[in-house]
Amino acid sequence: MADVRSNKVLKACVLSFRAQSIRQSNKLHESFTLDNYPEFYTGEDPHDKD
């Protein structure tokens, strides 16, 4: 019985950790915007102006 309980706790920990990392990667994606990196979307490097 103790094994089953600890297994459930372990699963809950893994799930919450996974949710946390998903949330973090979403935040990372939000900061990775068009304004910061327009060359990825236009194919041009804005720092490469002559």
C-alpha atoms as a PDB file:
ATOM      1  CA  MET A   1       0.000   0.000   0.000  1.00  0.00           C
ATOM      2  CA  ALA A   2       2.840   2.369   0.799  1.00  0.00           C
ATOM      3  CA  ASP A   3       4.327   1.742  -2.642  1.00  0.00           C
ATOM      4  CA  VAL A   4       1.124   2.794  -4.369  1.00  0.00           C
ATOM      5  CA  ARG A   5       0.921   5.990  -2.345  1.00  0.00           C
ATOM      6  CA  SER A   6       4.523   7.001  -3.008  1.00  0.00           C
ATOM      7  CA  ASN A   7       3.972   6.201  -6.673  1.00  0.00           C
ATOM      8  CA  LYS A   8       1.057   8.643  -6.780  1.00  0.00           C
ATOM      9  CA  VAL A   9       3.147  11.328  -5.095  1.00  0.00           C
ATOM     10  CA  LEU A  10       5.935  10.768  -7.582  1.00  0.00           C
ATOM     11  CA  LYS A  11       3.514  11.061 -10.495  1.00  0.00           C
ATOM     12  CA  ALA A  12       2.088  14.284  -9.062  1.00  0.00           C
ATOM     13  CA  CYS A  13       5.589  15.717  -8.734  1.00  0.00           C
ATOM     14  CA  VAL A  14       6.438  14.809 -12.315  1.00  0.00           C
ATOM     15  CA  LEU A  15       3.199  16.318 -13.594  1.00  0.00           C
ATOM     16  CA  SER A  16       3.677  19.591 -11.732  1.00  0.00           C
ATOM     17  CA  PHE A  17       7.286  19.785 -12.874  1.00  0.00           C
ATOM     18  CA  ARG A  18       6.178  19.229 -16.465  1.00  0.00           C
ATOM     19  CA  ALA A  19       3.514  21.924 -16.157  1.00  0.00           C
ATOM     20  CA  GLN A  20       6.098  24.313 -14.731  1.00  0.00           C
ATOM     21  CA  SER A  21       8.557  23.734 -17.556  1.00  0.00           C
ATOM     22  CA  ILE A  22       5.793  24.188 -20.139  1.00  0.00           C
ATOM     23  CA  ARG A  23       4.847  27.486 -18.503  1.00  0.00           C
ATOM     24  CA  GLN A  24       8.476  28.592 -18.545  1.00  0.00           C
ATOM     25  CA  SER A  25       8.932  27.752 -22.212  1.00  0.00           C
ATOM     26  CA  ASN A  26       5.763  29.714 -22.999  1.00  0.00           C
ATOM     27  CA  LYS A  27       7.247  32.723 -21.211  1.00  0.00           C
ATOM     28  CA  LEU A  28      10.437  32.289 -23.195  1.00  0.00           C
ATOM     29  CA  HIS A  29       8.422  32.182 -26.411  1.00  0.00           C
ATOM     30  CA  GLU A  30       6.561  35.366 -25.479  1.00  0.00           C
ATOM     31  CA  SER A  31       9.817  37.258 -24.973  1.00  0.00           C
ATOM     32  CA  PHE A  32      11.046  35.930 -28.323  1.00  0.00           C
ATOM     33  CA  THR A  33       8.966  38.411 -30.298  1.00  0.00           C
ATOM     34  CA  LEU A  34       9.034  39.990 -33.731  1.00  0.00           C
ATOM     35  CA  ASP A  35      10.435  43.189 -32.253  1.00  0.00           C
ATOM     36  CA  ASN A  36      13.447  41.451 -30.766  1.00  0.00           C
ATOM     37  CA  TYR A  37      14.253  39.168 -33.676  1.00  0.00           C
ATOM     38  CA  PRO A  38      12.721  40.523 -36.911  1.00  0.00           C
ATOM     39  CA  GLU A  39      15.386  38.864 -39.068  1.00  0.00           C
ATOM     40  CA  PHE A  40      13.933  35.453 -38.268  1.00  0.00           C
ATOM     41  CA  TYR A  41      10.664  36.511 -39.831  1.00  0.00           C
ATOM     42  CA  THR A  42      11.810  38.778 -42.653  1.00  0.00           C
ATOM     43  CA  GLY A  43      15.046  36.999 -43.536  1.00  0.00           C
ATOM     44  CA  GLU A  44      16.924  40.285 -43.157  1.00  0.00           C
ATOM     45  CA  ASP A  45      19.307  41.314 -40.431  1.00  0.00           C
ATOM     46  CA  PRO A  46      18.289  44.751 -39.102  1.00  0.00           C
ATOM     47  CA  HIS A  47      21.824  45.258 -37.753  1.00  0.00           C
ATOM     48  CA  ASP A  48      23.162  44.858 -41.283  1.00  0.00           C
ATOM     49  CA  LYS A  49      22.129  48.299 -42.540  1.00  0.00           C
ATOM     50  CA  ASP A  50      24.530  49.965 -44.958  1.00  0.00           C
END
